[in-house]
Amino acid sequence: MLLTNHKFIQICFLGFFLCLAACDPAIDEDIQIPSLPAAPNISIEVSSDDPNKVIIKDLSDGFFSRVWELPGGTPEMSILAVDTVVYRKAGNYTITLHAAKEGGGGTSIAEQDISFEADAILACSDETIFLTGGCDNLLGKCWTFSQVAGAVTVGPDPGSDEWFSSRESSLDPVQYDDSFCFTFEGSSFLYRNSGQTIDPFNGFVPVDFTPPTDLTYFIEANGGPNGETRIILPEGAFIGVWDSSPIYDIILLTEDELVLRSEFLNSGGWFDLYFVAR
């Protein structure tokens, strides 16, 4: 029996919709989406040796991922369960922890406000005197890269040089031209680069760069993992290499020599940087 065009089209559409019905996935109503986990339990304690330093702690169990938001602090972000944060300026701040728990369900948030009544005070210590040239030295003191071998070393661990160690006098002339200057009065930090800086994010070549001129620094006693004194700069500022973090542990400091250790800007490795007084 022959089908008319009209009947043929009707049968084709019927077959198409039957296929759709057969392919319609079954929905298992027993599947339960995990609920949002309870907010993490956090502790924010002011350090007993510094009223502008706080110890942040995630006291919760079962969270496999965490991100601290620390606006106004140094560092401004952390993924550690326990960390130390320095606030150089007086004011009110909010500390926020975003944490994800095992088993899914999303990310929970805990917040806590904290206040500081005064700006952080820079103590006139022996290290400060070596670094700045004296607490009454209004001109400050500048440091530049040493030309010895190993002036810049890079490795996966603090103090290691597995990935790179500079040869004697092998840095770019632009780097030897740089000066990193510290003044006690006003906790002033000044980076003088004569107009160019090595760009580690694009081939390690000299590029035009104008550093800010209103930067400050802070010295944190016993801030390093082994009790080293730390130099803390504002986010985005750097000493020696652009891709280092703004936190530097003092490994050696004399009247003429300065060795600093800093983690990569985005973690994953470490620098040791050797400077001499200019």
C-alpha atoms as a PDB file:
ATOM      1  CA  MET A   1       0.000   0.000   0.000  1.00  0.00           C
ATOM      2  CA  LEU A   2       1.328   3.357  -0.973  1.00  0.00           C
ATOM      3  CA  LEU A   3       1.404   6.187   1.588  1.00  0.00           C
ATOM      4  CA  THR A   4       0.490   9.698   0.703  1.00  0.00           C
ATOM      5  CA  ASN A   5       3.063  12.385   1.466  1.00  0.00           C
ATOM      6  CA  HIS A   6       0.872  13.668   4.275  1.00  0.00           C
ATOM      7  CA  LYS A   7       0.609  10.262   5.971  1.00  0.00           C
ATOM      8  CA  PHE A   8       4.329   9.667   5.526  1.00  0.00           C
ATOM      9  CA  ILE A   9       5.172  12.917   7.266  1.00  0.00           C
ATOM     10  CA  GLN A  10       2.816  12.089  10.157  1.00  0.00           C
ATOM     11  CA  ILE A  11       4.492   8.711  10.695  1.00  0.00           C
ATOM     12  CA  CYS A  12       7.986  10.326  10.636  1.00  0.00           C
ATOM     13  CA  PHE A  13       7.017  12.866  13.299  1.00  0.00           C
ATOM     14  CA  LEU A  14       5.450  10.139  15.443  1.00  0.00           C
ATOM     15  CA  GLY A  15       8.647   8.081  15.234  1.00  0.00           C
ATOM     16  CA  PHE A  16      10.741  11.139  16.132  1.00  0.00           C
ATOM     17  CA  PHE A  17       8.731  11.859  19.291  1.00  0.00           C
ATOM     18  CA  LEU A  18       8.749   8.189  20.303  1.00  0.00           C
ATOM     19  CA  CYS A  19      12.558   8.267  20.091  1.00  0.00           C
ATOM     20  CA  LEU A  20      12.650  11.327  22.289  1.00  0.00           C
ATOM     21  CA  ALA A  21      10.452   9.634  24.843  1.00  0.00           C
ATOM     22  CA  ALA A  22      12.610   6.507  24.816  1.00  0.00           C
ATOM     23  CA  CYS A  23      15.781   8.532  25.285  1.00  0.00           C
ATOM     24  CA  ASP A  24      14.411  10.709  28.091  1.00  0.00           C
ATOM     25  CA  PRO A  25      16.780  10.080  31.048  1.00  0.00           C
ATOM     26  CA  ALA A  26      15.275   8.731  34.225  1.00  0.00           C
ATOM     27  CA  ILE A  27      15.584  11.046  37.202  1.00  0.00           C
ATOM     28  CA  ASP A  28      16.609   9.352  40.424  1.00  0.00           C
ATOM     29  CA  GLU A  29      14.697  11.186  43.101  1.00  0.00           C
ATOM     30  CA  ASP A  30      16.835   9.514  45.797  1.00  0.00           C
ATOM     31  CA  ILE A  31      19.955  11.539  44.896  1.00  0.00           C
ATOM     32  CA  GLN A  32      20.612  14.099  47.642  1.00  0.00           C
ATOM     33  CA  ILE A  33      22.720  17.197  46.984  1.00  0.00           C
ATOM     34  CA  PRO A  34      24.911  17.866  50.049  1.00  0.00           C
ATOM     35  CA  SER A  35      23.904  20.924  52.010  1.00  0.00           C
ATOM     36  CA  LEU A  36      26.293  23.790  52.547  1.00  0.00           C
ATOM     37  CA  PRO A  37      28.740  22.880  55.333  1.00  0.00           C
ATOM     38  CA  ALA A  38      28.668  24.792  58.588  1.00  0.00           C
ATOM     39  CA  ALA A  39      30.876  27.876  58.764  1.00  0.00           C
ATOM     40  CA  PRO A  40      34.478  27.094  59.699  1.00  0.00           C
ATOM     41  CA  ASN A  41      35.617  27.778  63.241  1.00  0.00           C
ATOM     42  CA  ILE A  42      38.297  30.453  63.209  1.00  0.00           C
ATOM     43  CA  SER A  43      40.535  32.060  65.805  1.00  0.00           C
ATOM     44  CA  ILE A  44      42.006  35.573  65.469  1.00  0.00           C
ATOM     45  CA  GLU A  45      44.509  36.450  68.202  1.00  0.00           C
ATOM     46  CA  VAL A  46      46.653  39.563  68.582  1.00  0.00           C
ATOM     47  CA  SER A  47      50.301  38.637  69.109  1.00  0.00           C
ATOM     48  CA  SER A  48      51.653  39.230  72.615  1.00  0.00           C
ATOM     49  CA  ASP A  49      54.836  40.819  71.239  1.00  0.00           C
ATOM     50  CA  ASP A  50      53.274  43.156  68.643  1.00  0.00           C
ATOM     51  CA  PRO A  51      49.852  44.882  68.814  1.00  0.00           C
ATOM     52  CA  ASN A  52      49.734  45.134  65.003  1.00  0.00           C
ATOM     53  CA  LYS A  53      50.346  41.432  64.366  1.00  0.00           C
ATOM     54  CA  VAL A  54      47.622  38.763  64.515  1.00  0.00           C
ATOM     55  CA  ILE A  55      47.708  34.965  64.338  1.00  0.00           C
ATOM     56  CA  ILE A  56      44.898  33.518  62.253  1.00  0.00           C
ATOM     57  CA  LYS A  57      43.843  29.874  62.712  1.00  0.00           C
ATOM     58  CA  ASP A  58      41.334  27.548  61.090  1.00  0.00           C
ATOM     59  CA  LEU A  59      40.257  25.309  63.988  1.00  0.00           C
ATOM     60  CA  SER A  60      37.801  23.234  61.933  1.00  0.00           C
ATOM     61  CA  ASP A  61      38.039  19.581  60.888  1.00  0.00           C
ATOM     62  CA  GLY A  62      37.341  18.192  57.423  1.00  0.00           C
ATOM     63  CA  PHE A  63      38.033  21.263  55.309  1.00  0.00           C
ATOM     64  CA  PHE A  64      40.433  20.376  52.498  1.00  0.00           C
ATOM     65  CA  SER A  65      40.691  23.819  50.908  1.00  0.00           C
ATOM     66  CA  ARG A  66      40.791  27.293  52.415  1.00  0.00           C
ATOM     67  CA  VAL A  67      41.451  30.860  51.319  1.00  0.00           C
ATOM     68  CA  TRP A  68      41.869  33.733  53.787  1.00  0.00           C
ATOM     69  CA  GLU A  69      41.010  37.225  52.554  1.00  0.00           C
ATOM     70  CA  LEU A  70      43.089  39.744  54.531  1.00  0.00           C
ATOM     71  CA  PRO A  71      42.572  43.216  53.011  1.00  0.00           C
ATOM     72  CA  GLY A  72      44.956  45.775  54.482  1.00  0.00           C
ATOM     73  CA  GLY A  73      47.231  43.098  55.930  1.00  0.00           C
ATOM     74  CA  THR A  74      50.500  41.536  54.870  1.00  0.00           C
ATOM     75  CA  PRO A  75      50.004  39.061  53.341  1.00  0.00           C
ATOM     76  CA  GLU A  76      46.646  39.999  51.830  1.00  0.00           C
ATOM     77  CA  MET A  77      45.776  36.355  51.104  1.00  0.00           C
ATOM     78  CA  SER A  78      46.726  32.998  52.611  1.00  0.00           C
ATOM     79  CA  ILE A  79      45.870  29.334  52.094  1.00  0.00           C
ATOM     80  CA  LEU A  80      47.481  28.136  55.341  1.00  0.00           C
ATOM     81  CA  ALA A  81      45.547  26.745  58.283  1.00  0.00           C
ATOM     82  CA  VAL A  82      47.689  28.931  60.587  1.00  0.00           C
ATOM     83  CA  ASP A  83      49.395  32.145  59.520  1.00  0.00           C
ATOM     84  CA  THR A  84      50.647  35.485  60.839  1.00  0.00           C
ATOM     85  CA  VAL A  85      49.380  38.776  59.443  1.00  0.00           C
ATOM     86  CA  VAL A  86      50.792  42.265  60.034  1.00  0.00           C
ATOM     87  CA  TYR A  87      48.652  45.423  59.769  1.00  0.00           C
ATOM     88  CA  ARG A  88      50.816  48.517  59.451  1.00  0.00           C
ATOM     89  CA  LYS A  89      48.030  51.108  59.569  1.00  0.00           C
ATOM     90  CA  ALA A  90      45.481  51.840  62.279  1.00  0.00           C
ATOM     91  CA  GLY A  91      41.878  51.104  61.358  1.00  0.00           C
ATOM     92  CA  ASN A  92      39.107  48.537  61.180  1.00  0.00           C
ATOM     93  CA  TYR A  93      39.532  45.407  59.072  1.00  0.00           C
ATOM     94  CA  THR A  94      37.512  42.305  58.205  1.00  0.00           C
ATOM     95  CA  ILE A  95      39.184  38.898  58.036  1.00  0.00           C
ATOM     96  CA  THR A  96      37.314  36.315  55.940  1.00  0.00           C
ATOM     97  CA  LEU A  97      37.924  32.581  55.558  1.00  0.00           C
ATOM     98  CA  HIS A  98      36.447  30.689  52.592  1.00  0.00           C
ATOM     99  CA  ALA A  99      36.614  26.921  53.232  1.00  0.00           C
ATOM    100  CA  ALA A 100      35.480  23.872  51.249  1.00  0.00           C
ATOM    101  CA  LYS A 101      34.674  20.654  53.105  1.00  0.00           C
ATOM    102  CA  GLU A 102      35.144  17.022  52.126  1.00  0.00           C
ATOM    103  CA  GLY A 103      32.032  15.579  50.511  1.00  0.00           C
ATOM    104  CA  GLY A 104      31.123  18.719  48.596  1.00  0.00           C
ATOM    105  CA  GLY A 105      28.244  21.006  49.316  1.00  0.00           C
ATOM    106  CA  GLY A 106      29.995  24.246  48.400  1.00  0.00           C
ATOM    107  CA  THR A 107      32.150  26.745  50.232  1.00  0.00           C
ATOM    108  CA  SER A 108      31.358  28.162  53.650  1.00  0.00           C
ATOM    109  CA  ILE A 109      32.463  31.523  54.971  1.00  0.00           C
ATOM    110  CA  ALA A 110      33.488  32.803  58.390  1.00  0.00           C
ATOM    111  CA  GLU A 111      34.212  36.484  59.094  1.00  0.00           C
ATOM    112  CA  GLN A 112      35.628  38.422  62.008  1.00  0.00           C
ATOM    113  CA  ASP A 113      36.315  42.130  62.430  1.00  0.00           C
ATOM    114  CA  ILE A 114      39.469  43.426  64.062  1.00  0.00           C
ATOM    115  CA  SER A 115      40.668  46.936  64.956  1.00  0.00           C
ATOM    116  CA  PHE A 116      44.070  48.559  65.474  1.00  0.00           C
ATOM    117  CA  GLU A 117      44.306  51.796  67.399  1.00  0.00           C
ATOM    118  CA  ALA A 118      47.710  52.947  66.131  1.00  0.00           C
ATOM    119  CA  ASP A 119      50.077  52.517  63.205  1.00  0.00           C
ATOM    120  CA  ALA A 120      52.795  49.917  63.595  1.00  0.00           C
ATOM    121  CA  ILE A 121      55.932  51.365  65.208  1.00  0.00           C
ATOM    122  CA  LEU A 122      59.380  50.688  63.781  1.00  0.00           C
ATOM    123  CA  ALA A 123      61.795  49.960  66.628  1.00  0.00           C
ATOM    124  CA  CYS A 124      65.332  51.354  66.548  1.00  0.00           C
ATOM    125  CA  SER A 125      67.120  47.995  66.788  1.00  0.00           C
ATOM    126  CA  ASP A 126      70.631  47.016  65.743  1.00  0.00           C
ATOM    127  CA  GLU A 127      69.246  45.544  62.531  1.00  0.00           C
ATOM    128  CA  THR A 128      67.316  48.726  61.792  1.00  0.00           C
ATOM    129  CA  ILE A 129      70.496  50.748  62.257  1.00  0.00           C
ATOM    130  CA  PHE A 130      72.427  48.497  59.839  1.00  0.00           C
ATOM    131  CA  LEU A 131      69.579  48.569  57.310  1.00  0.00           C
ATOM    132  CA  THR A 132      68.915  52.335  57.355  1.00  0.00           C
ATOM    133  CA  GLY A 133      72.328  53.711  58.295  1.00  0.00           C
ATOM    134  CA  GLY A 134      71.046  54.940  61.661  1.00  0.00           C
ATOM    135  CA  CYS A 135      67.777  55.915  63.283  1.00  0.00           C
ATOM    136  CA  ASP A 136      68.779  59.591  63.051  1.00  0.00           C
ATOM    137  CA  ASN A 137      70.039  59.294  59.462  1.00  0.00           C
ATOM    138  CA  LEU A 138      67.502  61.324  57.503  1.00  0.00           C
ATOM    139  CA  LEU A 139      69.066  60.372  54.149  1.00  0.00           C
ATOM    140  CA  GLY A 140      68.618  56.635  54.667  1.00  0.00           C
ATOM    141  CA  LYS A 141      70.805  53.889  53.236  1.00  0.00           C
ATOM    142  CA  CYS A 142      70.743  52.150  49.851  1.00  0.00           C
ATOM    143  CA  TRP A 143      71.617  48.597  48.848  1.00  0.00           C
ATOM    144  CA  THR A 144      72.460  47.119  45.445  1.00  0.00           C
ATOM    145  CA  PHE A 145      73.174  43.640  44.100  1.00  0.00           C
ATOM    146  CA  SER A 146      76.587  42.220  44.922  1.00  0.00           C
ATOM    147  CA  GLN A 147      78.705  41.123  41.953  1.00  0.00           C
ATOM    148  CA  VAL A 148      79.862  37.934  43.674  1.00  0.00           C
ATOM    149  CA  ALA A 149      78.816  34.529  42.340  1.00  0.00           C
ATOM    150  CA  GLY A 150      75.490  33.469  43.844  1.00  0.00           C
ATOM    151  CA  ALA A 151      74.132  36.999  44.208  1.00  0.00           C
ATOM    152  CA  VAL A 152      70.839  35.475  43.030  1.00  0.00           C
ATOM    153  CA  THR A 153      70.038  31.836  43.745  1.00  0.00           C
ATOM    154  CA  VAL A 154      66.777  30.027  43.050  1.00  0.00           C
ATOM    155  CA  GLY A 155      65.530  26.662  44.258  1.00  0.00           C
ATOM    156  CA  PRO A 156      62.487  24.674  45.314  1.00  0.00           C
ATOM    157  CA  ASP A 157      63.283  24.989  49.026  1.00  0.00           C
ATOM    158  CA  PRO A 158      64.445  27.869  51.250  1.00  0.00           C
ATOM    159  CA  GLY A 159      68.190  28.328  50.786  1.00  0.00           C
ATOM    160  CA  SER A 160      68.499  25.920  47.844  1.00  0.00           C
ATOM    161  CA  ASP A 161      70.142  26.816  44.524  1.00  0.00           C
ATOM    162  CA  GLU A 162      69.132  23.793  42.416  1.00  0.00           C
ATOM    163  CA  TRP A 163      67.394  25.834  39.720  1.00  0.00           C
ATOM    164  CA  PHE A 164      69.742  28.783  39.321  1.00  0.00           C
ATOM    165  CA  SER A 165      72.838  30.421  40.777  1.00  0.00           C
ATOM    166  CA  SER A 166      74.242  33.562  39.157  1.00  0.00           C
ATOM    167  CA  ARG A 167      77.873  33.639  38.112  1.00  0.00           C
ATOM    168  CA  GLU A 168      80.250  36.397  39.182  1.00  0.00           C
ATOM    169  CA  SER A 169      79.256  39.771  37.668  1.00  0.00           C
ATOM    170  CA  SER A 170      76.719  38.023  35.408  1.00  0.00           C
ATOM    171  CA  LEU A 171      73.535  39.928  36.231  1.00  0.00           C
ATOM    172  CA  ASP A 172      72.168  42.411  33.725  1.00  0.00           C
ATOM    173  CA  PRO A 173      73.662  45.929  34.028  1.00  0.00           C
ATOM    174  CA  VAL A 174      70.147  47.171  34.728  1.00  0.00           C
ATOM    175  CA  GLN A 175      70.130  45.089  37.921  1.00  0.00           C
ATOM    176  CA  TYR A 176      73.461  46.410  39.159  1.00  0.00           C
ATOM    177  CA  ASP A 177      72.113  49.895  38.558  1.00  0.00           C
ATOM    178  CA  ASP A 178      69.190  49.329  40.950  1.00  0.00           C
ATOM    179  CA  SER A 179      69.181  50.722  44.495  1.00  0.00           C
ATOM    180  CA  PHE A 180      66.857  49.708  47.330  1.00  0.00           C
ATOM    181  CA  CYS A 181      66.808  52.398  49.991  1.00  0.00           C
ATOM    182  CA  PHE A 182      65.519  52.401  53.579  1.00  0.00           C
ATOM    183  CA  THR A 183      65.021  55.367  55.905  1.00  0.00           C
ATOM    184  CA  PHE A 184      64.095  55.001  59.566  1.00  0.00           C
ATOM    185  CA  GLU A 185      62.127  58.246  59.731  1.00  0.00           C
ATOM    186  CA  GLY A 186      58.697  57.550  58.275  1.00  0.00           C
ATOM    187  CA  SER A 187      59.621  53.917  57.525  1.00  0.00           C
ATOM    188  CA  SER A 188      60.289  54.993  53.951  1.00  0.00           C
ATOM    189  CA  PHE A 189      61.251  52.496  51.230  1.00  0.00           C
ATOM    190  CA  LEU A 190      62.451  53.780  47.865  1.00  0.00           C
ATOM    191  CA  TYR A 191      63.316  51.726  44.779  1.00  0.00           C
ATOM    192  CA  ARG A 192      65.618  53.630  42.396  1.00  0.00           C
ATOM    193  CA  ASN A 193      65.987  51.905  39.038  1.00  0.00           C
ATOM    194  CA  SER A 194      67.118  54.661  36.639  1.00  0.00           C
ATOM    195  CA  GLY A 195      64.045  54.008  34.519  1.00  0.00           C
ATOM    196  CA  GLN A 196      64.314  50.279  33.746  1.00  0.00           C
ATOM    197  CA  THR A 197      63.689  46.978  35.503  1.00  0.00           C
ATOM    198  CA  ILE A 198      64.174  43.341  34.522  1.00  0.00           C
ATOM    199  CA  ASP A 199      60.825  41.803  33.609  1.00  0.00           C
ATOM    200  CA  PRO A 200      60.774  38.152  34.772  1.00  0.00           C
ATOM    201  CA  PHE A 201      57.248  37.683  33.425  1.00  0.00           C
ATOM    202  CA  ASN A 202      58.274  38.284  29.806  1.00  0.00           C
ATOM    203  CA  GLY A 203      61.697  36.915  28.923  1.00  0.00           C
ATOM    204  CA  PHE A 204      63.851  38.517  31.646  1.00  0.00           C
ATOM    205  CA  VAL A 205      64.542  41.595  29.547  1.00  0.00           C
ATOM    206  CA  PRO A 206      64.872  45.232  30.664  1.00  0.00           C
ATOM    207  CA  VAL A 207      61.622  47.173  30.436  1.00  0.00           C
ATOM    208  CA  ASP A 208      60.666  50.742  31.254  1.00  0.00           C
ATOM    209  CA  PHE A 209      59.277  50.853  34.781  1.00  0.00           C
ATOM    210  CA  THR A 210      58.582  53.720  37.158  1.00  0.00           C
ATOM    211  CA  PRO A 211      58.358  52.531  40.791  1.00  0.00           C
ATOM    212  CA  PRO A 212      56.018  54.251  43.241  1.00  0.00           C
ATOM    213  CA  THR A 213      57.684  56.831  45.461  1.00  0.00           C
ATOM    214  CA  ASP A 214      55.368  56.688  48.482  1.00  0.00           C
ATOM    215  CA  LEU A 215      56.198  53.184  49.730  1.00  0.00           C
ATOM    216  CA  THR A 216      56.833  52.190  53.327  1.00  0.00           C
ATOM    217  CA  TYR A 217      58.235  49.084  54.969  1.00  0.00           C
ATOM    218  CA  PHE A 218      57.867  47.297  58.271  1.00  0.00           C
ATOM    219  CA  ILE A 219      60.356  45.180  60.224  1.00  0.00           C
ATOM    220  CA  GLU A 220      58.897  42.179  62.033  1.00  0.00           C
ATOM    221  CA  ALA A 221      61.139  40.686  64.716  1.00  0.00           C
ATOM    222  CA  ASN A 222      61.163  36.879  64.822  1.00  0.00           C
ATOM    223  CA  GLY A 223      58.774  36.739  61.894  1.00  0.00           C
ATOM    224  CA  GLY A 224      60.609  34.089  59.861  1.00  0.00           C
ATOM    225  CA  PRO A 225      60.204  30.309  60.205  1.00  0.00           C
ATOM    226  CA  ASN A 226      63.427  30.084  62.213  1.00  0.00           C
ATOM    227  CA  GLY A 227      63.042  33.349  64.093  1.00  0.00           C
ATOM    228  CA  GLU A 228      64.535  35.537  61.368  1.00  0.00           C
ATOM    229  CA  THR A 229      63.730  39.229  61.285  1.00  0.00           C
ATOM    230  CA  ARG A 230      61.485  40.088  58.347  1.00  0.00           C
ATOM    231  CA  ILE A 231      61.231  43.061  56.044  1.00  0.00           C
ATOM    232  CA  ILE A 232      57.633  43.480  54.910  1.00  0.00           C
ATOM    233  CA  LEU A 233      56.756  45.677  51.937  1.00  0.00           C
ATOM    234  CA  PRO A 234      53.335  46.662  50.584  1.00  0.00           C
ATOM    235  CA  GLU A 235      51.731  44.306  48.063  1.00  0.00           C
ATOM    236  CA  GLY A 236      53.305  44.837  44.633  1.00  0.00           C
ATOM    237  CA  ALA A 237      56.597  46.279  45.937  1.00  0.00           C
ATOM    238  CA  PHE A 238      59.784  44.229  45.717  1.00  0.00           C
ATOM    239  CA  ILE A 239      63.501  44.103  46.529  1.00  0.00           C
ATOM    240  CA  GLY A 240      65.866  42.757  43.868  1.00  0.00           C
ATOM    241  CA  VAL A 241      63.527  40.668  41.734  1.00  0.00           C
ATOM    242  CA  TRP A 242      60.044  41.561  40.573  1.00  0.00           C
ATOM    243  CA  ASP A 243      58.641  38.033  40.952  1.00  0.00           C
ATOM    244  CA  SER A 244      59.452  37.690  44.659  1.00  0.00           C
ATOM    245  CA  SER A 245      56.854  38.062  47.390  1.00  0.00           C
ATOM    246  CA  PRO A 246      56.856  41.341  49.386  1.00  0.00           C
ATOM    247  CA  ILE A 247      58.072  39.447  52.492  1.00  0.00           C
ATOM    248  CA  TYR A 248      61.842  39.016  52.992  1.00  0.00           C
ATOM    249  CA  ASP A 249      63.607  37.102  55.759  1.00  0.00           C
ATOM    250  CA  ILE A 250      66.955  38.600  56.739  1.00  0.00           C
ATOM    251  CA  ILE A 251      69.549  35.810  56.513  1.00  0.00           C
ATOM    252  CA  LEU A 252      72.567  38.089  56.986  1.00  0.00           C
ATOM    253  CA  LEU A 253      72.827  41.777  57.846  1.00  0.00           C
ATOM    254  CA  THR A 254      75.999  43.700  58.615  1.00  0.00           C
ATOM    255  CA  GLU A 255      77.053  47.253  57.954  1.00  0.00           C
ATOM    256  CA  ASP A 256      78.081  46.287  54.414  1.00  0.00           C
ATOM    257  CA  GLU A 257      76.169  43.105  53.500  1.00  0.00           C
ATOM    258  CA  LEU A 258      72.517  42.109  53.276  1.00  0.00           C
ATOM    259  CA  VAL A 259      71.213  38.658  52.321  1.00  0.00           C
ATOM    260  CA  LEU A 260      67.457  38.249  51.949  1.00  0.00           C
ATOM    261  CA  ARG A 261      65.285  35.188  51.360  1.00  0.00           C
ATOM    262  CA  SER A 262      61.872  35.423  49.740  1.00  0.00           C
ATOM    263  CA  GLU A 263      59.337  33.016  48.296  1.00  0.00           C
ATOM    264  CA  PHE A 264      58.145  33.269  44.709  1.00  0.00           C
ATOM    265  CA  LEU A 265      55.342  35.771  44.276  1.00  0.00           C
ATOM    266  CA  ASN A 266      52.889  32.944  43.562  1.00  0.00           C
ATOM    267  CA  SER A 267      54.750  30.340  45.688  1.00  0.00           C
ATOM    268  CA  GLY A 268      56.499  27.255  44.324  1.00  0.00           C
ATOM    269  CA  GLY A 269      60.127  28.303  44.850  1.00  0.00           C
ATOM    270  CA  TRP A 270      62.553  30.500  46.766  1.00  0.00           C
ATOM    271  CA  PHE A 271      65.093  33.273  46.137  1.00  0.00           C
ATOM    272  CA  ASP A 272      68.233  34.125  48.073  1.00  0.00           C
ATOM    273  CA  LEU A 273      69.380  37.657  47.199  1.00  0.00           C
ATOM    274  CA  TYR A 274      72.817  39.075  48.121  1.00  0.00           C
ATOM    275  CA  PHE A 275      73.196  42.874  48.374  1.00  0.00           C
ATOM    276  CA  VAL A 276      75.973  45.249  49.362  1.00  0.00           C
ATOM    277  CA  ALA A 277      75.727  48.776  50.734  1.00  0.00           C
ATOM    278  CA  ARG A 278      75.940  51.426  48.030  1.00  0.00           C
END
